[in-house]
Each structure stands twice: as C-alpha cells, then as structure tokens.
Amino acid sequence: MGTFLAKMTDGSEMILTAGRATRSEGGDVAFESVDARGNWSRTCTLRAARLDSVHVRRIGENGVAQWVRQSASGRWWCY
C-alpha cells in the first residue's frame, strides 16, 4: 500500500491510501487497490482539470519520510 497526496486546483488537498496510482495520457489520475485474490479495482479517479499535482510518500536516503512529486506529464505508475 502506498500513501498519496493529491493537491487540487482549488487549493484543497486529499491524502489517499491505495495499492497503486496511475496517470493517463490525458492527465487523469486513478487510484487502485487489490483484493486477496489479486484483482485490482479503481477506488478513486481525479480528473486532470481539477488536479494540480500528485505526490507519493517515500523514505529518502537519509531515512526521513518525504513527499515525492510525480511527473505532471506522460503516463506513470506508482506503488
């Protein structure tokens, strides 16, 4: 499971826990979780027009947790 921070264009923020996140070519970001049988299902989709940025929580080389901003262009997957 990953922890994700979505910053919206209206200034609000949303923290989500999901198995993975993906960004489409159009800029929409979907969050998905997996069940005990390995089946993935979408739990939340954020439309590109409402989305400012997406960050994932990672432990840095110095051992400190930090938010890492994901690319604002192209497709990506993040676990």
Protein backbone atom coordinates (compact mmCIF):
# COMPACT_ATOMS: atom_id res chain seq x y z
CA MET A 1 0.00 0.00 0.00
CA GLY A 2 1.12 3.50 -0.78
CA THR A 3 0.19 6.86 0.66
CA PHE A 4 -0.55 9.59 -1.86
CA LEU A 5 -1.13 13.34 -1.60
CA ALA A 6 -3.27 14.96 -4.29
CA LYS A 7 -3.23 18.75 -4.47
CA MET A 8 -6.25 20.19 -6.25
CA THR A 9 -6.53 23.36 -8.33
CA ASP A 10 -8.93 24.91 -5.79
CA GLY A 11 -6.22 24.73 -3.09
CA SER A 12 -7.62 21.69 -1.29
CA GLU A 13 -5.61 18.53 -0.62
CA MET A 14 -6.53 14.87 -0.37
CA ILE A 15 -4.47 12.09 1.23
CA LEU A 16 -5.27 8.60 -0.06
CA THR A 17 -4.03 5.13 0.74
CA ALA A 18 -4.07 2.79 -2.26
CA GLY A 19 -2.16 -0.10 -3.73
CA ARG A 20 -1.09 1.97 -6.72
CA ALA A 21 -1.76 5.13 -8.69
CA THR A 22 -1.58 5.70 -12.42
CA ARG A 23 -1.65 8.77 -14.64
CA SER A 24 -3.26 8.54 -18.07
CA GLU A 25 -2.02 10.32 -21.19
CA GLY A 26 -4.90 12.77 -20.70
CA GLY A 27 -3.70 13.64 -17.19
CA ASP A 28 -6.38 11.87 -15.13
CA VAL A 29 -5.03 10.04 -12.08
CA ALA A 30 -6.63 6.81 -10.85
CA PHE A 31 -6.02 5.12 -7.50
CA GLU A 32 -6.48 1.37 -7.29
CA SER A 33 -6.45 -1.29 -4.56
CA VAL A 34 -6.10 -5.06 -4.75
CA ASP A 35 -8.19 -7.74 -3.05
CA ALA A 36 -6.99 -11.04 -1.53
CA ARG A 37 -7.31 -12.77 -4.93
CA GLY A 38 -5.09 -10.28 -6.72
CA ASN A 39 -7.89 -8.41 -8.51
CA TRP A 40 -7.29 -4.68 -8.91
CA SER A 41 -10.19 -2.24 -8.68
CA ARG A 42 -10.34 1.53 -9.03
CA THR A 43 -11.20 3.31 -5.80
CA CYS A 44 -10.91 6.95 -6.90
CA THR A 45 -10.29 8.91 -10.12
CA LEU A 46 -9.20 12.54 -10.19
CA ARG A 47 -9.78 14.47 -13.41
CA ALA A 48 -6.85 16.40 -14.88
CA ALA A 49 -8.80 19.68 -14.90
CA ARG A 50 -9.16 19.57 -11.09
CA LEU A 51 -5.67 18.25 -10.31
CA ASP A 52 -2.62 20.41 -9.56
CA SER A 53 -0.11 17.70 -8.53
CA VAL A 54 0.25 14.20 -7.06
CA HIS A 55 2.89 13.17 -4.54
CA VAL A 56 3.82 9.77 -3.09
CA ARG A 57 5.20 9.22 0.42
CA ARG A 58 8.72 7.75 0.28
CA ILE A 59 11.58 7.19 2.69
CA GLY A 60 14.60 9.15 1.46
CA GLU A 61 18.23 8.02 1.53
CA ASN A 62 18.63 9.89 4.81
CA GLY A 63 15.86 7.78 6.40
CA VAL A 64 13.36 10.64 6.58
CA ALA A 65 9.88 10.26 5.06
CA GLN A 66 9.09 12.84 2.38
CA TRP A 67 6.52 13.62 -0.30
CA VAL A 68 7.91 12.97 -3.79
CA ARG A 69 6.13 14.82 -6.60
CA GLN A 70 5.13 12.69 -9.56
CA SER A 71 5.58 13.83 -13.16
CA ALA A 72 2.98 16.26 -14.49
CA SER A 73 3.25 14.78 -17.99
CA GLY A 74 3.19 11.38 -19.64
CA ARG A 75 1.96 8.09 -18.22
CA TRP A 76 3.28 6.74 -14.93
CA TRP A 77 2.58 4.07 -12.35
CA CYS A 78 3.42 4.49 -8.70
CA TYR A 79 3.28 1.85 -5.95
